[in-house]
């Protein structure tokens, strides 16, 4: 009898395997969580592919959380705004068309605001003041759109910033969504 009780008190091997597979399938891996976060953010963008590619090219770990994704958006947005601002300054130095020069000046001012805002967001981010990150980023959509508007106003017929503005617009939206998610966490 004692041996019969001993036998029933040990779970059988198949039961252990079933439990093992249930635990594996119920608990998502961190990389699945990362992809879910990326999908959640990128599905809200005008261009999912650009958003997803930006995250994937800049992930420091396949198991990144919302903090790491927010850092990526701040870094990419800052870099993009700085490079675009430099490009605008080059265009300003090389143009003589008054209307185009005025439009580029509006762009230069708009991108300066975007750069300063993301610089401020970065400082707040590293201080773990996530509400201030979101607050600093809030002004960036209007600043970027002022550039788009100035270049689309007659008599301007050229827009050498079209693709750069599109990328900046998406990066700003990514940053705003991830900062909001982070401040809610």
N, C-alpha and C. Protein backbone atom coordinates (compact mmCIF):
# COMPACT_ATOMS: atom_id res chain seq x y z
N UNK A 1 0.81 -1.18 0.00
CA UNK A 1 0.00 0.00 0.00
C UNK A 1 0.87 1.26 0.00
N UNK A 2 1.90 1.21 0.80
CA UNK A 2 2.79 2.37 0.89
C UNK A 2 3.39 2.69 -0.46
N UNK A 3 3.72 1.68 -1.23
CA UNK A 3 4.30 1.93 -2.54
C UNK A 3 3.25 2.48 -3.50
N UNK A 4 1.99 2.12 -3.34
CA UNK A 4 0.93 2.63 -4.20
C UNK A 4 0.73 4.12 -3.95
N UNK A 5 0.74 4.57 -2.69
CA UNK A 5 0.60 5.98 -2.37
C UNK A 5 1.80 6.77 -2.88
N UNK A 6 2.94 6.18 -2.78
CA UNK A 6 4.16 6.81 -3.28
C UNK A 6 4.06 7.03 -4.79
N UNK A 7 3.51 6.05 -5.51
CA UNK A 7 3.37 6.14 -6.95
C UNK A 7 2.39 7.24 -7.34
N UNK A 8 1.29 7.38 -6.63
CA UNK A 8 0.27 8.38 -6.97
C UNK A 8 0.67 9.79 -6.55
N UNK A 9 1.59 9.93 -5.63
CA UNK A 9 1.99 11.26 -5.20
C UNK A 9 2.95 11.91 -6.18
N UNK A 10 3.56 11.18 -7.07
CA UNK A 10 4.47 11.71 -8.09
C UNK A 10 3.70 11.95 -9.38
N UNK A 11 3.76 13.14 -9.93
CA UNK A 11 3.09 13.34 -11.20
C UNK A 11 3.79 12.54 -12.28
N UNK A 12 3.02 12.07 -13.21
CA UNK A 12 3.61 11.30 -14.29
C UNK A 12 4.35 12.22 -15.25
N UNK A 13 5.27 11.66 -16.01
CA UNK A 13 6.08 12.42 -16.95
C UNK A 13 5.21 13.16 -17.98
N UNK A 14 4.20 12.51 -18.57
CA UNK A 14 3.37 13.24 -19.54
C UNK A 14 2.70 14.47 -18.91
N UNK A 15 2.26 14.36 -17.67
CA UNK A 15 1.62 15.50 -17.01
C UNK A 15 2.62 16.65 -16.84
N UNK A 16 3.85 16.36 -16.49
CA UNK A 16 4.88 17.39 -16.37
C UNK A 16 5.14 18.06 -17.71
N UNK A 17 5.17 17.28 -18.78
CA UNK A 17 5.36 17.85 -20.12
C UNK A 17 4.22 18.77 -20.50
N UNK A 18 3.00 18.38 -20.19
CA UNK A 18 1.84 19.21 -20.49
C UNK A 18 1.94 20.53 -19.74
N UNK A 19 2.27 20.47 -18.47
CA UNK A 19 2.42 21.70 -17.68
C UNK A 19 3.54 22.57 -18.22
N UNK A 20 4.65 21.95 -18.60
CA UNK A 20 5.78 22.68 -19.16
C UNK A 20 5.36 23.44 -20.43
N UNK A 21 4.68 22.77 -21.34
CA UNK A 21 4.25 23.41 -22.58
C UNK A 21 3.20 24.48 -22.35
N UNK A 22 2.33 24.29 -21.37
CA UNK A 22 1.35 25.32 -21.04
C UNK A 22 2.04 26.58 -20.54
N UNK A 23 3.02 26.42 -19.68
CA UNK A 23 3.75 27.57 -19.15
C UNK A 23 4.47 28.31 -20.28
N UNK A 24 5.09 27.56 -21.17
CA UNK A 24 5.81 28.19 -22.29
C UNK A 24 4.85 28.95 -23.20
N UNK A 25 3.70 28.36 -23.50
CA UNK A 25 2.76 28.98 -24.43
C UNK A 25 1.93 30.08 -23.80
N UNK A 26 1.73 30.05 -22.51
CA UNK A 26 0.93 31.09 -21.86
C UNK A 26 1.77 32.33 -21.59
N UNK A 27 3.02 32.14 -21.24
CA UNK A 27 3.89 33.27 -20.90
C UNK A 27 4.63 33.73 -22.15
N UNK A 28 4.27 34.90 -22.70
CA UNK A 28 4.97 35.36 -23.89
C UNK A 28 6.40 35.76 -23.56
N UNK A 29 7.27 35.59 -24.51
CA UNK A 29 8.66 35.98 -24.28
C UNK A 29 8.78 37.49 -24.35
N UNK A 30 9.88 37.99 -23.85
CA UNK A 30 10.11 39.43 -23.88
C UNK A 30 10.19 39.96 -25.29
N UNK A 31 10.76 39.17 -26.21
CA UNK A 31 10.85 39.64 -27.59
C UNK A 31 9.47 39.73 -28.22
N UNK A 32 8.53 38.85 -27.80
CA UNK A 32 7.16 38.98 -28.27
C UNK A 32 6.55 40.25 -27.70
N UNK A 33 6.83 40.55 -26.45
CA UNK A 33 6.34 41.79 -25.84
C UNK A 33 6.88 43.00 -26.59
N UNK A 34 8.15 42.97 -26.96
CA UNK A 34 8.76 44.07 -27.71
C UNK A 34 8.05 44.26 -29.04
N UNK A 35 7.82 43.17 -29.75
CA UNK A 35 7.14 43.27 -31.04
C UNK A 35 5.72 43.78 -30.87
N UNK A 36 5.05 43.38 -29.81
CA UNK A 36 3.70 43.88 -29.55
C UNK A 36 3.71 45.38 -29.29
N UNK A 37 4.70 45.86 -28.54
CA UNK A 37 4.82 47.30 -28.31
C UNK A 37 5.09 48.05 -29.61
N UNK A 38 5.99 47.52 -30.42
CA UNK A 38 6.30 48.14 -31.71
C UNK A 38 5.05 48.18 -32.57
N UNK A 39 4.34 47.07 -32.64
CA UNK A 39 3.10 47.01 -33.43
C UNK A 39 2.08 48.02 -32.91
N UNK A 40 1.94 48.09 -31.60
CA UNK A 40 0.98 49.03 -31.00
C UNK A 40 1.30 50.47 -31.40
N UNK A 41 2.56 50.84 -31.35
CA UNK A 41 2.96 52.19 -31.72
C UNK A 41 2.83 52.40 -33.22
N UNK A 42 3.37 51.48 -34.00
CA UNK A 42 3.47 51.67 -35.45
C UNK A 42 2.12 51.60 -36.16
N UNK A 43 1.17 50.89 -35.61
CA UNK A 43 -0.16 50.84 -36.23
C UNK A 43 -0.87 52.18 -36.16
N UNK A 44 -0.39 53.07 -35.33
CA UNK A 44 -0.97 54.41 -35.21
C UNK A 44 -0.29 55.42 -36.14
N UNK A 45 0.71 54.99 -36.90
CA UNK A 45 1.48 55.89 -37.75
C UNK A 45 0.93 55.90 -39.18
N UNK A 46 1.25 56.97 -39.90
CA UNK A 46 0.82 57.05 -41.29
C UNK A 46 1.56 56.04 -42.17
N UNK A 47 2.71 55.58 -41.70
CA UNK A 47 3.48 54.61 -42.47
C UNK A 47 4.08 53.58 -41.52
N UNK A 48 3.39 52.45 -41.39
CA UNK A 48 3.80 51.39 -40.47
C UNK A 48 5.23 50.92 -40.77
N UNK A 49 5.56 50.72 -42.03
CA UNK A 49 6.86 50.16 -42.41
C UNK A 49 8.02 51.02 -41.96
N UNK A 50 7.92 52.32 -42.14
CA UNK A 50 8.99 53.23 -41.72
C UNK A 50 9.16 53.16 -40.20
N UNK A 51 8.06 53.16 -39.49
CA UNK A 51 8.08 53.10 -38.03
C UNK A 51 8.74 51.81 -37.55
N UNK A 52 8.25 50.69 -38.04
CA UNK A 52 8.76 49.39 -37.63
C UNK A 52 10.24 49.24 -37.97
N UNK A 53 10.63 49.66 -39.14
CA UNK A 53 12.03 49.58 -39.56
C UNK A 53 12.92 50.45 -38.67
N UNK A 54 12.44 51.62 -38.31
CA UNK A 54 13.21 52.51 -37.43
C UNK A 54 13.48 51.84 -36.09
N UNK A 55 12.46 51.23 -35.51
CA UNK A 55 12.67 50.53 -34.24
C UNK A 55 13.64 49.37 -34.42
N UNK A 56 13.39 48.54 -35.41
CA UNK A 56 14.21 47.33 -35.58
C UNK A 56 15.67 47.65 -35.85
N UNK A 57 15.94 48.71 -36.59
CA UNK A 57 17.32 49.09 -36.89
C UNK A 57 18.03 49.67 -35.67
N UNK A 58 17.28 50.10 -34.67
CA UNK A 58 17.88 50.79 -33.53
C UNK A 58 17.70 50.07 -32.19
N UNK A 59 17.10 48.88 -32.21
CA UNK A 59 16.94 48.13 -30.96
C UNK A 59 18.31 47.75 -30.40
N UNK A 60 18.52 48.02 -29.15
CA UNK A 60 19.77 47.64 -28.50
C UNK A 60 19.67 46.22 -27.97
N UNK A 61 18.43 45.73 -27.83
CA UNK A 61 18.17 44.38 -27.34
C UNK A 61 16.85 43.91 -27.94
N UNK A 62 16.75 42.62 -28.26
CA UNK A 62 15.46 42.13 -28.78
C UNK A 62 14.37 42.14 -27.71
N UNK A 63 14.77 42.32 -26.46
CA UNK A 63 13.82 42.35 -25.34
C UNK A 63 13.66 43.76 -24.78
N UNK A 64 13.39 44.72 -25.66
CA UNK A 64 13.28 46.11 -25.26
C UNK A 64 11.89 46.42 -24.71
N UNK A 65 11.86 47.30 -23.73
CA UNK A 65 10.59 47.72 -23.15
C UNK A 65 10.22 49.10 -23.66
N UNK A 66 9.15 49.67 -23.12
CA UNK A 66 8.67 50.97 -23.59
C UNK A 66 9.70 52.08 -23.31
N UNK A 67 10.48 51.92 -22.27
CA UNK A 67 11.53 52.90 -21.97
C UNK A 67 12.56 52.92 -23.11
N UNK A 68 13.00 51.74 -23.52
CA UNK A 68 13.99 51.64 -24.60
C UNK A 68 13.42 52.14 -25.92
N UNK A 69 12.17 51.83 -26.19
CA UNK A 69 11.55 52.29 -27.44
C UNK A 69 11.38 53.81 -27.44
N UNK A 70 11.04 54.37 -26.31
CA UNK A 70 10.92 55.83 -26.20
C UNK A 70 12.28 56.49 -26.42
N UNK A 71 13.32 55.90 -25.88
CA UNK A 71 14.67 56.43 -26.09
C UNK A 71 15.01 56.42 -27.58
N UNK A 72 14.66 55.36 -28.27
CA UNK A 72 14.91 55.29 -29.72
C UNK A 72 14.20 56.43 -30.43
N UNK A 73 12.95 56.69 -30.08
CA UNK A 73 12.21 57.75 -30.78
C UNK A 73 12.84 59.12 -30.53
N UNK A 74 13.28 59.35 -29.31
CA UNK A 74 13.91 60.64 -29.00
C UNK A 74 15.22 60.79 -29.77
N UNK A 75 16.02 59.74 -29.76
CA UNK A 75 17.32 59.80 -30.47
C UNK A 75 17.13 59.98 -31.96
N UNK A 76 16.22 59.21 -32.56
CA UNK A 76 16.01 59.30 -34.02
C UNK A 76 15.41 60.65 -34.40
N UNK A 77 14.47 61.14 -33.61
CA UNK A 77 13.85 62.43 -33.90
C UNK A 77 14.86 63.56 -33.78
N UNK A 78 15.69 63.51 -32.75
CA UNK A 78 16.73 64.53 -32.56
C UNK A 78 17.71 64.52 -33.73
N UNK A 79 18.15 63.33 -34.10
CA UNK A 79 19.09 63.20 -35.21
C UNK A 79 18.49 63.70 -36.52
N UNK A 80 17.26 63.30 -36.79
CA UNK A 80 16.59 63.71 -38.03
C UNK A 80 16.39 65.23 -38.06
N UNK A 81 15.95 65.80 -36.95
CA UNK A 81 15.72 67.25 -36.89
C UNK A 81 17.02 68.02 -37.08
N UNK A 82 18.09 67.55 -36.47
CA UNK A 82 19.40 68.21 -36.60
C UNK A 82 19.90 68.16 -38.04
N UNK A 83 19.83 66.99 -38.65
CA UNK A 83 20.29 66.85 -40.04
C UNK A 83 19.43 67.67 -41.00
N UNK A 84 18.13 67.70 -40.76
CA UNK A 84 17.26 68.49 -41.62
C UNK A 84 17.52 69.98 -41.43
N UNK A 85 17.73 70.40 -40.21
CA UNK A 85 18.05 71.80 -39.94
C UNK A 85 19.34 72.20 -40.66
N UNK A 86 20.35 71.35 -40.61
CA UNK A 86 21.61 71.62 -41.31
C UNK A 86 21.40 71.70 -42.82
N UNK A 87 20.57 70.80 -43.35
CA UNK A 87 20.26 70.81 -44.78
C UNK A 87 19.54 72.10 -45.18
N UNK A 88 18.62 72.56 -44.35
CA UNK A 88 17.90 73.81 -44.62
C UNK A 88 18.88 74.98 -44.64
N UNK A 89 19.81 75.00 -43.72
CA UNK A 89 20.81 76.09 -43.69
C UNK A 89 21.65 76.08 -44.97
N UNK A 90 22.00 74.91 -45.47
CA UNK A 90 22.74 74.82 -46.74
C UNK A 90 21.89 75.36 -47.89
N UNK A 91 20.62 75.00 -47.91
CA UNK A 91 19.73 75.51 -48.96
C UNK A 91 19.61 77.03 -48.88
N UNK A 92 19.50 77.54 -47.65
CA UNK A 92 19.40 78.99 -47.47
C UNK A 92 20.65 79.70 -48.00
N UNK A 93 21.80 79.12 -47.77
CA UNK A 93 23.06 79.72 -48.24
C UNK A 93 23.17 79.73 -49.76
N UNK A 94 22.44 78.83 -50.42
CA UNK A 94 22.60 78.67 -51.86
C UNK A 94 21.41 79.15 -52.69
N UNK A 95 20.43 79.80 -52.07
CA UNK A 95 19.28 80.26 -52.85
C UNK A 95 19.24 81.79 -52.92
N UNK A 96 18.74 82.25 -54.05
CA UNK A 96 18.57 83.70 -54.23
C UNK A 96 17.10 84.06 -54.38
N UNK A 97 16.25 83.08 -54.60
CA UNK A 97 14.81 83.31 -54.75
C UNK A 97 14.24 83.76 -53.40
N UNK A 98 13.66 84.97 -53.37
CA UNK A 98 13.19 85.58 -52.12
C UNK A 98 12.06 84.75 -51.47
N UNK A 99 11.07 84.34 -52.26
CA UNK A 99 9.94 83.58 -51.71
C UNK A 99 10.42 82.24 -51.14
N UNK A 100 11.32 81.58 -51.86
CA UNK A 100 11.85 80.31 -51.40
C UNK A 100 12.70 80.51 -50.15
N UNK A 101 13.47 81.59 -50.13
CA UNK A 101 14.30 81.91 -48.96
C UNK A 101 13.42 82.15 -47.73
N UNK A 102 12.30 82.85 -47.92
CA UNK A 102 11.37 83.10 -46.80
C UNK A 102 10.77 81.78 -46.29
N UNK A 103 10.41 80.91 -47.22
CA UNK A 103 9.85 79.61 -46.82
C UNK A 103 10.91 78.79 -46.06
N UNK A 104 12.13 78.82 -46.56
CA UNK A 104 13.20 78.08 -45.88
C UNK A 104 13.50 78.67 -44.51
N UNK A 105 13.38 79.97 -44.36
CA UNK A 105 13.58 80.60 -43.05
C UNK A 105 12.52 80.11 -42.07
N UNK A 106 11.29 79.98 -42.54
CA UNK A 106 10.22 79.44 -41.68
C UNK A 106 10.56 77.99 -41.30
N UNK A 107 11.09 77.25 -42.25
CA UNK A 107 11.49 75.86 -41.97
C UNK A 107 12.64 75.81 -40.97
N UNK A 108 13.60 76.69 -41.15
CA UNK A 108 14.73 76.73 -40.22
C UNK A 108 14.24 77.01 -38.80
N UNK A 109 13.32 77.96 -38.67
CA UNK A 109 12.77 78.27 -37.35
C UNK A 109 11.98 77.10 -36.78
N UNK A 110 11.18 76.46 -37.62
CA UNK A 110 10.39 75.32 -37.17
C UNK A 110 11.26 74.17 -36.71
N UNK A 111 12.28 73.87 -37.49
CA UNK A 111 13.17 72.76 -37.11
C UNK A 111 14.04 73.11 -35.91
N UNK A 112 14.32 74.38 -35.70
CA UNK A 112 15.04 74.77 -34.49
C UNK A 112 14.18 74.45 -33.26
N UNK A 113 12.89 74.75 -33.35
CA UNK A 113 11.98 74.42 -32.25
C UNK A 113 11.92 72.91 -32.03
N UNK A 114 11.86 72.15 -33.11
CA UNK A 114 11.83 70.69 -32.99
C UNK A 114 13.11 70.19 -32.32
N UNK A 115 14.26 70.68 -32.76
CA UNK A 115 15.54 70.27 -32.14
C UNK A 115 15.57 70.60 -30.65
N UNK A 116 15.22 71.83 -30.32
CA UNK A 116 15.25 72.26 -28.92
C UNK A 116 14.27 71.44 -28.07
N UNK A 117 13.12 71.15 -28.63
CA UNK A 117 12.11 70.38 -27.90
C UNK A 117 12.60 68.96 -27.62
N UNK A 118 13.20 68.33 -28.62
CA UNK A 118 13.70 66.97 -28.40
C UNK A 118 14.95 66.97 -27.53
N UNK A 119 15.74 68.02 -27.57
CA UNK A 119 16.87 68.12 -26.63
C UNK A 119 16.34 68.19 -25.19
N UNK A 120 15.30 68.98 -25.00
CA UNK A 120 14.68 69.09 -23.68
C UNK A 120 14.04 67.77 -23.27
N UNK A 121 13.39 67.10 -24.23
CA UNK A 121 12.79 65.79 -23.94
C UNK A 121 13.85 64.78 -23.52
N UNK A 122 15.01 64.83 -24.17
CA UNK A 122 16.10 63.91 -23.84
C UNK A 122 16.59 64.14 -22.41
N UNK A 123 16.74 65.39 -22.02
CA UNK A 123 17.17 65.69 -20.64
C UNK A 123 16.14 65.14 -19.65
N UNK A 124 14.87 65.40 -19.90
CA UNK A 124 13.82 64.89 -19.01
C UNK A 124 13.79 63.37 -18.99
N UNK A 125 14.00 62.77 -20.16
CA UNK A 125 13.99 61.31 -20.25
C UNK A 125 15.06 60.70 -19.36
N UNK A 126 16.27 61.23 -19.43
CA UNK A 126 17.36 60.67 -18.63
C UNK A 126 17.23 60.99 -17.15
N UNK A 127 16.38 61.97 -16.82
CA UNK A 127 16.05 62.25 -15.43
C UNK A 127 14.84 61.42 -14.97
N UNK A 128 14.32 60.61 -15.89
CA UNK A 128 13.14 59.78 -15.65
C UNK A 128 11.89 60.61 -15.33
N UNK A 129 11.85 61.81 -15.87
CA UNK A 129 10.69 62.70 -15.73
C UNK A 129 9.86 62.56 -17.01
N UNK A 130 9.11 61.47 -17.09
CA UNK A 130 8.45 61.10 -18.33
C UNK A 130 7.28 62.01 -18.70
N UNK A 131 6.64 62.63 -17.70
CA UNK A 131 5.58 63.60 -18.02
C UNK A 131 6.18 64.81 -18.74
N UNK A 132 7.37 65.23 -18.33
CA UNK A 132 8.03 66.36 -18.98
C UNK A 132 8.51 66.01 -20.39
N UNK A 133 8.83 64.74 -20.62
CA UNK A 133 9.20 64.30 -21.97
C UNK A 133 8.02 64.56 -22.90
N UNK A 134 6.86 64.09 -22.47
CA UNK A 134 5.65 64.26 -23.28
C UNK A 134 5.33 65.74 -23.49
N UNK A 135 5.48 66.52 -22.45
CA UNK A 135 5.20 67.95 -22.53
C UNK A 135 6.15 68.64 -23.52
N UNK A 136 7.43 68.30 -23.47
CA UNK A 136 8.42 68.91 -24.38
C UNK A 136 8.13 68.56 -25.83
N UNK A 137 7.66 67.35 -26.06
CA UNK A 137 7.42 66.90 -27.43
C UNK A 137 6.12 67.45 -28.03
N UNK A 138 5.21 67.89 -27.19
CA UNK A 138 3.89 68.33 -27.66
C UNK A 138 3.91 69.45 -28.68
N UNK A 139 4.91 70.30 -28.65
CA UNK A 139 4.96 71.45 -29.57
C UNK A 139 5.53 71.08 -30.94
N UNK A 140 6.12 69.90 -31.05
CA UNK A 140 6.86 69.56 -32.27
C UNK A 140 5.99 69.37 -33.52
N UNK A 141 4.78 68.82 -33.42
CA UNK A 141 4.00 68.67 -34.66
C UNK A 141 3.71 70.00 -35.34
N UNK A 142 3.35 71.00 -34.56
CA UNK A 142 3.04 72.32 -35.13
C UNK A 142 4.28 72.97 -35.73
N UNK A 143 5.41 72.81 -35.06
CA UNK A 143 6.66 73.40 -35.56
C UNK A 143 7.06 72.77 -36.89
N UNK A 144 6.94 71.45 -36.99
CA UNK A 144 7.27 70.77 -38.24
C UNK A 144 6.28 71.14 -39.33
N UNK A 145 5.01 71.21 -39.01
CA UNK A 145 4.01 71.52 -40.05
C UNK A 145 4.14 72.95 -40.56
N UNK A 146 4.71 73.84 -39.75
CA UNK A 146 4.92 75.21 -40.24
C UNK A 146 5.87 75.22 -41.43
N UNK A 147 6.82 74.29 -41.42
CA UNK A 147 7.74 74.17 -42.55
C UNK A 147 6.99 73.66 -43.78
N UNK A 148 6.20 72.62 -43.61
CA UNK A 148 5.44 72.07 -44.73
C UNK A 148 4.52 73.13 -45.34
N UNK A 149 3.85 73.89 -44.49
CA UNK A 149 2.93 74.92 -44.96
C UNK A 149 3.66 76.02 -45.72
N UNK A 150 4.79 76.44 -45.20
CA UNK A 150 5.52 77.53 -45.86
C UNK A 150 6.02 77.12 -47.24
N UNK A 151 6.39 75.86 -47.38
CA UNK A 151 6.89 75.39 -48.69
C UNK A 151 5.76 75.11 -49.68
N UNK A 152 4.54 74.95 -49.19
CA UNK A 152 3.43 74.67 -50.09
C UNK A 152 2.64 75.93 -50.45
N UNK A 153 3.01 77.07 -49.87
CA UNK A 153 2.33 78.34 -50.15
C UNK A 153 2.90 78.95 -51.43
N UNK A 154 2.01 79.39 -52.30
CA UNK A 154 2.44 80.04 -53.55
C UNK A 154 3.27 81.27 -53.22
N UNK A 155 4.24 81.62 -53.96
CA UNK A 155 4.62 81.14 -55.28
C UNK A 155 5.62 79.98 -55.26
N UNK A 156 5.85 79.37 -54.10
CA UNK A 156 6.82 78.27 -54.03
C UNK A 156 6.33 77.07 -54.84
N UNK A 157 7.19 76.59 -55.69
CA UNK A 157 6.85 75.43 -56.50
C UNK A 157 7.77 74.25 -56.20
N UNK A 158 8.80 74.48 -55.42
CA UNK A 158 9.74 73.40 -55.10
C UNK A 158 9.66 73.06 -53.62
N UNK A 159 9.84 71.79 -53.34
CA UNK A 159 9.88 71.35 -51.95
C UNK A 159 10.95 70.27 -51.80
N UNK A 160 12.18 70.69 -51.59
CA UNK A 160 13.27 69.72 -51.43
C UNK A 160 13.22 69.01 -50.07
N UNK A 161 12.27 69.38 -49.22
CA UNK A 161 12.18 68.78 -47.89
C UNK A 161 11.02 67.80 -47.77
N UNK A 162 10.38 67.49 -48.86
CA UNK A 162 9.17 66.67 -48.80
C UNK A 162 9.41 65.35 -48.06
N UNK A 163 10.42 64.59 -48.45
CA UNK A 163 10.68 63.31 -47.80
C UNK A 163 11.19 63.49 -46.38
N UNK A 164 12.02 64.49 -46.17
CA UNK A 164 12.52 64.75 -44.80
C UNK A 164 11.39 65.15 -43.86
N UNK A 165 10.46 65.97 -44.36
CA UNK A 165 9.31 66.36 -43.54
C UNK A 165 8.43 65.15 -43.22
N UNK A 166 8.23 64.27 -44.19
CA UNK A 166 7.43 63.06 -43.97
C UNK A 166 8.06 62.21 -42.88
N UNK A 167 9.37 61.98 -42.97
CA UNK A 167 10.06 61.20 -41.96
C UNK A 167 9.97 61.87 -40.58
N UNK A 168 10.16 63.17 -40.55
CA UNK A 168 10.10 63.90 -39.28
C UNK A 168 8.71 63.80 -38.67
N UNK A 169 7.69 63.94 -39.51
CA UNK A 169 6.30 63.85 -39.05
C UNK A 169 6.05 62.49 -38.40
N UNK A 170 6.54 61.42 -39.01
CA UNK A 170 6.36 60.07 -38.46
C UNK A 170 7.16 59.90 -37.17
N UNK A 171 8.39 60.37 -37.16
CA UNK A 171 9.22 60.26 -35.95
C UNK A 171 8.60 61.04 -34.78
N UNK A 172 8.03 62.19 -35.07
CA UNK A 172 7.36 62.97 -34.03
C UNK A 172 6.17 62.19 -33.48
N UNK A 173 5.37 61.62 -34.38
CA UNK A 173 4.21 60.84 -33.94
C UNK A 173 4.64 59.63 -33.12
N UNK A 174 5.70 58.95 -33.55
CA UNK A 174 6.23 57.81 -32.80
C UNK A 174 6.66 58.25 -31.40
N UNK A 175 7.34 59.38 -31.33
CA UNK A 175 7.82 59.88 -30.05
C UNK A 175 6.66 60.25 -29.13
N UNK A 176 5.65 60.88 -29.69
CA UNK A 176 4.50 61.26 -28.86
C UNK A 176 3.75 60.05 -28.33
N UNK A 177 3.54 59.06 -29.18
CA UNK A 177 2.83 57.85 -28.75
C UNK A 177 3.64 57.10 -27.70
N UNK A 178 4.93 56.92 -27.95
CA UNK A 178 5.73 56.15 -26.98
C UNK A 178 5.88 56.92 -25.67
N UNK A 179 6.03 58.23 -25.73
CA UNK A 179 6.14 59.03 -24.48
C UNK A 179 4.82 58.95 -23.70
N UNK A 180 3.71 58.97 -24.41
CA UNK A 180 2.41 58.86 -23.72
C UNK A 180 2.29 57.49 -23.05
N UNK A 181 2.65 56.44 -23.77
CA UNK A 181 2.61 55.09 -23.20
C UNK A 181 3.52 54.99 -21.98
N UNK A 182 4.69 55.59 -22.07
CA UNK A 182 5.65 55.55 -20.97
C UNK A 182 5.12 56.31 -19.75
N UNK A 183 4.53 57.46 -19.98
CA UNK A 183 4.03 58.25 -18.85
C UNK A 183 2.82 57.58 -18.20
N UNK A 184 2.14 56.70 -18.92
CA UNK A 184 0.99 55.97 -18.37
C UNK A 184 1.40 54.68 -17.64
N UNK A 185 2.65 54.25 -17.90
CA UNK A 185 3.11 52.96 -17.31
C UNK A 185 3.36 53.06 -15.83
